[in-house]
Amino acid sequence: MDKITRKNSFGQWISPINSQLFEEQVKTLKLDVYTKKLTTESFLKLLLFAQLQEVESLHALSDCLFDDQLQKAIDLDSISISQLSRRLNGLNPDLFQRLFLDLVSQIHVKTHDTKLVMPLKIIDSSTIPLSLMNHKWAEFRKTKAGVKLHVRLVFMEKGTSYPEKAIITTAKEHDRNQLEVMIDDKECMYVFDRGYLDYERFDRMTDDGYFFLSRLRKNAVIRVVDDFKLPEESSVLSDQMVLIGTPQNRAENYFRLLKVMDSKGNELQLITNRLI
C-alpha cells in the first residue's frame, strides 16, 4: 500500500486504508499464494480506481491500463479481462469487510466530538442482479437471481455522510426483516422507507427507546387523535397525533403523522415516534 505516493491525488484518496491491516489480511487469507502479476494490492487499487472513475466493465477497466499514470500508480502495465475475472471470482470478501470496518472506526474516532444533537442514520437497500445460471441459491424470480445490499448511512453536520454498516441478504429477503439488525443506537434518529414498515416492530422500537421516521403507505388506516397547530408559513401541511393500523394489525403506541410536499409536488405521509 505504501508504494503509492501520498503526493498524487489517487495516493491521497487511498491513504486512509490501514496498510498494516491490509498486509496482515492478505497473508492470513493467503490471497497472494501462486500470484505473480496481479497481486491483491494491485487489484484493490484497480477496483478503487474503477469506482472513482465509474468504470462500467472489466473490459473498460483493462483498457484503462493504457494510461501511463495509472500504470505507475499500481505498478502494472497491462492485464487481460480473463485475469481480472479470475481474480475477482477468487478474492475472499472478508478482506473488504475488515477494511470497511476499520475505515468506519477511523471515522468514528474523528467525529466523536462533532455529532449533531440527534444524528440521522438512514437505512436503505439496493438490489444487485446476478446470473441465475451461476447463482441459483439467490433465485428470487423465475428467470432472475440477486442479492440485496442493506446500508446504514450516517448524516452529519455540513452535509457530511458516510456508510456505517452494511448487510447482504438474498433479494427474496424482505427489507423489514433487517430492521432489528440495523438498529442499535438510541442516540440518533433512524430514517427508512416504506419497505421497512412493520407495526409490531414500530411498537417494539418505541418501547425500547429508539427513534425513527418513515414514509407511510397511502392506504394505511389512520385514526387521528389530535391536531397540532402549525406555525405561520410552515412548509408542513398537517401535524397530527395518530393511531395506525386495523384492529387485526395495528400499533399500540401513539405516533406523529406529518404531511409534506416533495420537490415534485407529491404529498408524503411521514410517521415518527419523535413526539417533541
Protein backbone atom coordinates (compact mmCIF):
# COMPACT_ATOMS: atom_id res chain seq x y z
CA MET A 1 0.00 0.00 0.00
CA ASP A 2 2.79 2.44 0.81
CA LYS A 3 4.17 2.15 -2.72
CA ILE A 4 1.59 4.73 -3.83
CA THR A 5 2.92 8.22 -3.22
CA ARG A 6 0.74 10.37 -0.97
CA LYS A 7 1.52 13.41 -3.12
CA ASN A 8 -0.70 12.47 -6.06
CA SER A 9 -4.49 12.64 -5.87
CA PHE A 10 -5.01 8.88 -6.17
CA GLY A 11 -2.50 8.29 -3.41
CA GLN A 12 -4.29 10.72 -1.11
CA TRP A 13 -7.63 9.07 -1.85
CA ILE A 14 -6.33 5.62 -0.92
CA SER A 15 -4.22 6.75 2.05
CA PRO A 16 -6.83 6.09 4.81
CA ILE A 17 -6.54 2.34 4.22
CA ASN A 18 -4.52 0.75 7.02
CA SER A 19 -1.57 -0.76 5.13
CA GLN A 20 -0.52 -2.94 8.07
CA LEU A 21 -4.01 -4.41 8.44
CA PHE A 22 -4.18 -4.95 4.68
CA GLU A 23 -0.88 -6.83 4.57
CA GLU A 24 -1.86 -8.95 7.59
CA GLN A 25 -5.16 -9.91 5.97
CA VAL A 26 -3.52 -10.79 2.65
CA LYS A 27 -1.10 -13.07 4.49
CA THR A 28 -3.75 -14.61 6.79
CA LEU A 29 -6.22 -15.28 3.96
CA LYS A 30 -3.40 -16.44 1.66
CA LEU A 31 -4.62 -14.18 -1.14
CA ASP A 32 -1.31 -13.87 -2.99
CA VAL A 33 -0.31 -17.53 -2.97
CA TYR A 34 0.71 -18.51 -6.52
CA THR A 35 0.10 -14.92 -7.69
CA LYS A 36 2.84 -13.33 -9.76
CA LYS A 37 1.39 -10.39 -11.67
CA LEU A 38 -1.98 -9.21 -10.38
CA THR A 39 -1.37 -9.06 -6.64
CA THR A 40 -4.18 -8.29 -4.20
CA GLU A 41 -2.69 -4.84 -3.66
CA SER A 42 -2.67 -4.03 -7.38
CA PHE A 43 -6.16 -5.44 -7.82
CA LEU A 44 -7.58 -3.45 -4.88
CA LYS A 45 -6.11 -0.26 -6.34
CA LEU A 46 -7.67 -1.11 -9.71
CA LEU A 47 -11.09 -1.67 -8.11
CA LEU A 48 -10.86 1.63 -6.24
CA PHE A 49 -9.85 3.40 -9.45
CA ALA A 50 -12.81 1.81 -11.23
CA GLN A 51 -15.16 3.06 -8.53
CA LEU A 52 -13.67 6.56 -8.58
CA GLN A 53 -13.86 6.80 -12.38
CA GLU A 54 -17.19 4.93 -12.65
CA VAL A 55 -15.73 2.28 -14.96
CA GLU A 56 -18.62 0.09 -16.09
CA SER A 57 -16.97 -3.22 -17.05
CA LEU A 58 -13.85 -5.36 -16.74
CA HIS A 59 -13.20 -4.73 -20.43
CA ALA A 60 -13.21 -0.96 -19.84
CA LEU A 61 -11.03 -1.41 -16.76
CA SER A 62 -8.48 -3.37 -18.79
CA ASP A 63 -8.39 -0.55 -21.34
CA CYS A 64 -7.67 1.97 -18.58
CA LEU A 65 -4.21 0.50 -18.20
CA PHE A 66 -3.12 2.24 -21.39
CA ASP A 67 -2.78 5.30 -19.14
CA ASP A 68 0.86 5.80 -18.08
CA GLN A 69 -0.01 7.46 -14.77
CA LEU A 70 -2.27 4.58 -13.73
CA GLN A 71 0.42 2.06 -14.70
CA LYS A 72 2.86 3.87 -12.45
CA ALA A 73 0.39 4.17 -9.56
CA ILE A 74 -0.43 0.46 -9.42
CA ASP A 75 2.88 -0.92 -10.72
CA LEU A 76 1.15 -2.78 -13.55
CA ASP A 77 1.36 -2.08 -17.30
CA SER A 78 -1.38 -4.38 -18.65
CA ILE A 79 -3.85 -7.07 -17.66
CA SER A 80 -6.29 -9.24 -19.58
CA ILE A 81 -10.03 -9.39 -18.96
CA SER A 82 -9.78 -13.10 -18.13
CA GLN A 83 -7.14 -12.39 -15.45
CA LEU A 84 -9.34 -9.69 -13.93
CA SER A 85 -12.32 -12.04 -13.95
CA ARG A 86 -10.43 -14.90 -12.28
CA ARG A 87 -9.04 -12.56 -9.62
CA LEU A 88 -12.46 -11.13 -8.92
CA ASN A 89 -14.08 -14.56 -8.59
CA GLY A 90 -11.34 -15.87 -6.33
CA LEU A 91 -10.92 -12.92 -3.97
CA ASN A 92 -12.09 -13.54 -0.39
CA PRO A 93 -14.69 -10.85 0.55
CA ASP A 94 -13.53 -11.00 4.20
CA LEU A 95 -10.69 -8.68 3.18
CA PHE A 96 -13.09 -5.93 2.11
CA GLN A 97 -15.21 -6.36 5.23
CA ARG A 98 -12.22 -5.92 7.53
CA LEU A 99 -11.02 -2.84 5.63
CA PHE A 100 -14.52 -1.35 5.65
CA LEU A 101 -14.95 -1.82 9.41
CA ASP A 102 -11.52 -0.33 10.07
CA LEU A 103 -12.35 2.76 7.99
CA VAL A 104 -15.66 3.19 9.84
CA SER A 105 -13.86 3.02 13.19
CA GLN A 106 -11.43 5.71 11.99
CA ILE A 107 -14.37 7.97 11.10
CA HIS A 108 -15.99 7.37 14.49
CA VAL A 109 -12.82 8.49 16.26
CA LYS A 110 -12.55 11.67 14.18
CA THR A 111 -16.24 12.61 14.51
CA HIS A 112 -16.80 11.63 18.14
CA ASP A 113 -16.96 15.25 19.35
CA THR A 114 -18.77 16.72 16.31
CA LYS A 115 -22.05 14.80 16.32
CA LEU A 116 -25.38 16.51 15.80
CA VAL A 117 -27.71 16.68 18.82
CA MET A 118 -29.74 13.94 17.13
CA PRO A 119 -27.72 12.41 14.24
CA LEU A 120 -29.63 10.94 11.30
CA LYS A 121 -28.98 7.34 10.29
CA ILE A 122 -30.63 6.42 7.01
CA ILE A 123 -31.34 2.76 6.21
CA ASP A 124 -32.00 1.65 2.65
CA SER A 125 -31.42 -1.32 0.36
CA SER A 126 -30.37 -1.84 -3.25
CA THR A 127 -30.98 -4.99 -5.27
CA ILE A 128 -27.96 -6.28 -7.21
CA PRO A 129 -28.92 -8.62 -10.10
CA LEU A 130 -26.99 -11.86 -10.59
CA SER A 131 -26.95 -14.57 -13.23
CA LEU A 132 -29.49 -17.24 -12.30
CA MET A 133 -27.39 -19.90 -14.03
CA ASN A 134 -24.42 -19.24 -11.73
CA HIS A 135 -26.29 -18.19 -8.58
CA LYS A 136 -29.28 -20.49 -8.16
CA TRP A 137 -29.07 -20.03 -4.36
CA ALA A 138 -30.08 -16.39 -4.89
CA GLU A 139 -33.16 -17.02 -7.08
CA PHE A 140 -35.99 -14.59 -6.45
CA ARG A 141 -37.89 -14.77 -9.75
CA LYS A 142 -38.29 -17.50 -12.36
CA THR A 143 -35.59 -16.03 -14.56
CA LYS A 144 -33.59 -13.87 -12.17
CA ALA A 145 -31.26 -14.09 -9.20
CA GLY A 146 -29.95 -11.36 -6.96
CA VAL A 147 -28.84 -10.10 -3.59
CA LYS A 148 -29.79 -7.06 -1.53
CA LEU A 149 -27.29 -4.69 0.00
CA HIS A 150 -28.72 -3.05 3.12
CA VAL A 151 -26.72 0.05 4.09
CA ARG A 152 -26.87 2.33 7.13
CA LEU A 153 -25.69 5.82 6.21
CA VAL A 154 -24.79 8.41 8.85
CA PHE A 155 -25.57 12.06 8.06
CA MET A 156 -23.60 14.66 9.98
CA GLU A 157 -23.13 18.41 10.02
CA LYS A 158 -22.35 20.37 6.83
CA GLY A 159 -23.72 17.60 4.62
CA THR A 160 -21.03 15.07 5.53
CA SER A 161 -22.12 11.43 5.33
CA TYR A 162 -20.53 8.01 5.47
CA PRO A 163 -21.66 4.34 5.37
CA GLU A 164 -21.56 2.84 8.85
CA LYS A 165 -22.96 -0.66 8.44
CA ALA A 166 -23.76 -2.98 5.55
CA ILE A 167 -25.52 -6.34 5.36
CA ILE A 168 -26.01 -8.56 2.30
CA THR A 169 -29.06 -10.83 2.02
CA THR A 170 -30.73 -12.64 -0.86
CA ALA A 171 -33.05 -10.42 -2.90
CA LYS A 172 -36.02 -12.52 -1.76
CA GLU A 173 -35.47 -11.45 1.86
CA HIS A 174 -37.93 -8.71 2.90
CA ASP A 175 -36.44 -5.36 3.91
CA ARG A 176 -38.30 -5.16 7.21
CA ASN A 177 -36.59 -8.32 8.48
CA GLN A 178 -33.34 -6.33 8.72
CA LEU A 179 -34.62 -3.52 10.96
CA GLU A 180 -33.60 -5.13 14.22
CA VAL A 181 -30.16 -5.93 12.79
CA MET A 182 -29.58 -2.37 11.56
CA ILE A 183 -30.88 -0.53 14.64
CA ASP A 184 -28.65 -0.48 17.72
CA ASP A 185 -28.15 3.18 18.73
CA LYS A 186 -30.59 5.13 20.94
CA GLU A 187 -28.76 8.44 20.42
CA CYS A 188 -29.92 9.04 16.86
CA MET A 189 -32.96 9.26 14.57
CA TYR A 190 -33.38 6.39 12.11
CA VAL A 191 -34.91 7.16 8.71
CA PHE A 192 -36.13 4.44 6.36
CA ASP A 193 -38.62 3.92 3.52
CA ARG A 194 -41.94 2.05 3.28
CA GLY A 195 -40.25 -1.27 2.56
CA TYR A 196 -39.28 -1.45 6.25
CA LEU A 197 -42.79 -0.79 7.60
CA ASP A 198 -43.76 -3.17 10.40
CA TYR A 199 -46.22 -2.02 13.10
CA GLU A 200 -45.13 -4.66 15.61
CA ARG A 201 -41.50 -3.58 15.28
CA PHE A 202 -42.54 0.09 15.50
CA ASP A 203 -44.07 -0.68 18.90
CA ARG A 204 -41.00 -2.60 19.99
CA MET A 205 -38.63 0.18 18.86
CA THR A 206 -40.73 2.79 20.65
CA ASP A 207 -40.89 0.78 23.87
CA ASP A 208 -37.12 0.19 23.73
CA GLY A 209 -36.31 3.89 23.24
CA TYR A 210 -35.28 4.01 19.56
CA PHE A 211 -36.43 6.98 17.45
CA PHE A 212 -37.44 6.61 13.81
CA LEU A 213 -39.14 8.34 10.88
CA SER A 214 -40.59 6.55 7.86
CA ARG A 215 -42.89 7.12 4.91
CA LEU A 216 -46.35 5.67 5.42
CA ARG A 217 -48.27 3.90 2.68
CA LYS A 218 -51.16 5.83 1.12
CA ASN A 219 -53.65 3.09 2.00
CA ALA A 220 -52.59 2.95 5.67
CA VAL A 221 -55.52 3.01 8.13
CA ILE A 222 -55.17 6.08 10.37
CA ARG A 223 -57.23 7.33 13.31
CA VAL A 224 -56.50 10.96 14.20
CA VAL A 225 -56.31 11.59 17.95
CA ASP A 226 -55.17 15.23 17.94
CA ASP A 227 -54.20 18.04 15.54
CA PHE A 228 -51.18 20.20 16.34
CA LYS A 229 -51.20 23.88 15.43
CA LEU A 230 -48.69 24.77 12.73
CA PRO A 231 -46.58 27.95 12.74
CA GLU A 232 -47.33 30.56 10.09
CA GLU A 233 -45.79 29.95 6.65
CA SER A 234 -44.91 26.39 7.62
CA SER A 235 -43.99 24.03 4.77
CA VAL A 236 -45.73 21.22 6.69
CA LEU A 237 -49.32 20.60 5.52
CA SER A 238 -50.50 18.96 8.74
CA ASP A 239 -49.13 17.67 12.04
CA GLN A 240 -51.24 15.08 13.90
CA MET A 241 -51.15 12.55 16.72
CA VAL A 242 -52.49 9.27 15.35
CA LEU A 243 -53.06 5.57 15.85
CA ILE A 244 -52.15 3.42 12.85
CA GLY A 245 -53.40 0.07 11.62
CA THR A 246 -56.56 -2.01 11.61
CA PRO A 247 -57.96 -3.89 14.63
CA GLN A 248 -56.29 -7.03 13.25
CA ASN A 249 -52.92 -5.38 12.54
CA ARG A 250 -52.25 -2.20 14.44
CA ALA A 251 -49.63 -0.46 16.55
CA GLU A 252 -50.34 0.02 20.24
CA ASN A 253 -48.38 3.27 20.62
CA TYR A 254 -49.38 6.75 19.52
CA PHE A 255 -47.36 8.21 16.64
CA ARG A 256 -46.91 11.58 14.98
CA LEU A 257 -48.06 11.92 11.37
CA LEU A 258 -46.61 14.74 9.23
CA LYS A 259 -47.89 15.53 5.75
CA VAL A 260 -45.46 17.39 3.48
CA MET A 261 -44.91 18.03 -0.23
CA ASP A 262 -41.83 16.68 -2.01
CA SER A 263 -39.87 18.57 -4.66
CA LYS A 264 -42.18 17.21 -7.40
CA GLY A 265 -45.38 18.35 -5.70
CA ASN A 266 -46.38 14.94 -4.37
CA GLU A 267 -47.86 14.65 -0.88
CA LEU A 268 -45.88 12.46 1.52
CA GLN A 269 -47.06 10.97 4.80
CA LEU A 270 -44.28 10.67 7.36
CA ILE A 271 -44.73 8.67 10.55
CA THR A 272 -42.46 9.09 13.58
CA ASN A 273 -42.35 8.27 17.28
CA ARG A 274 -40.45 11.51 17.99
CA LEU A 275 -43.29 13.46 19.59
CA ILE A 276 -41.37 16.55 20.75
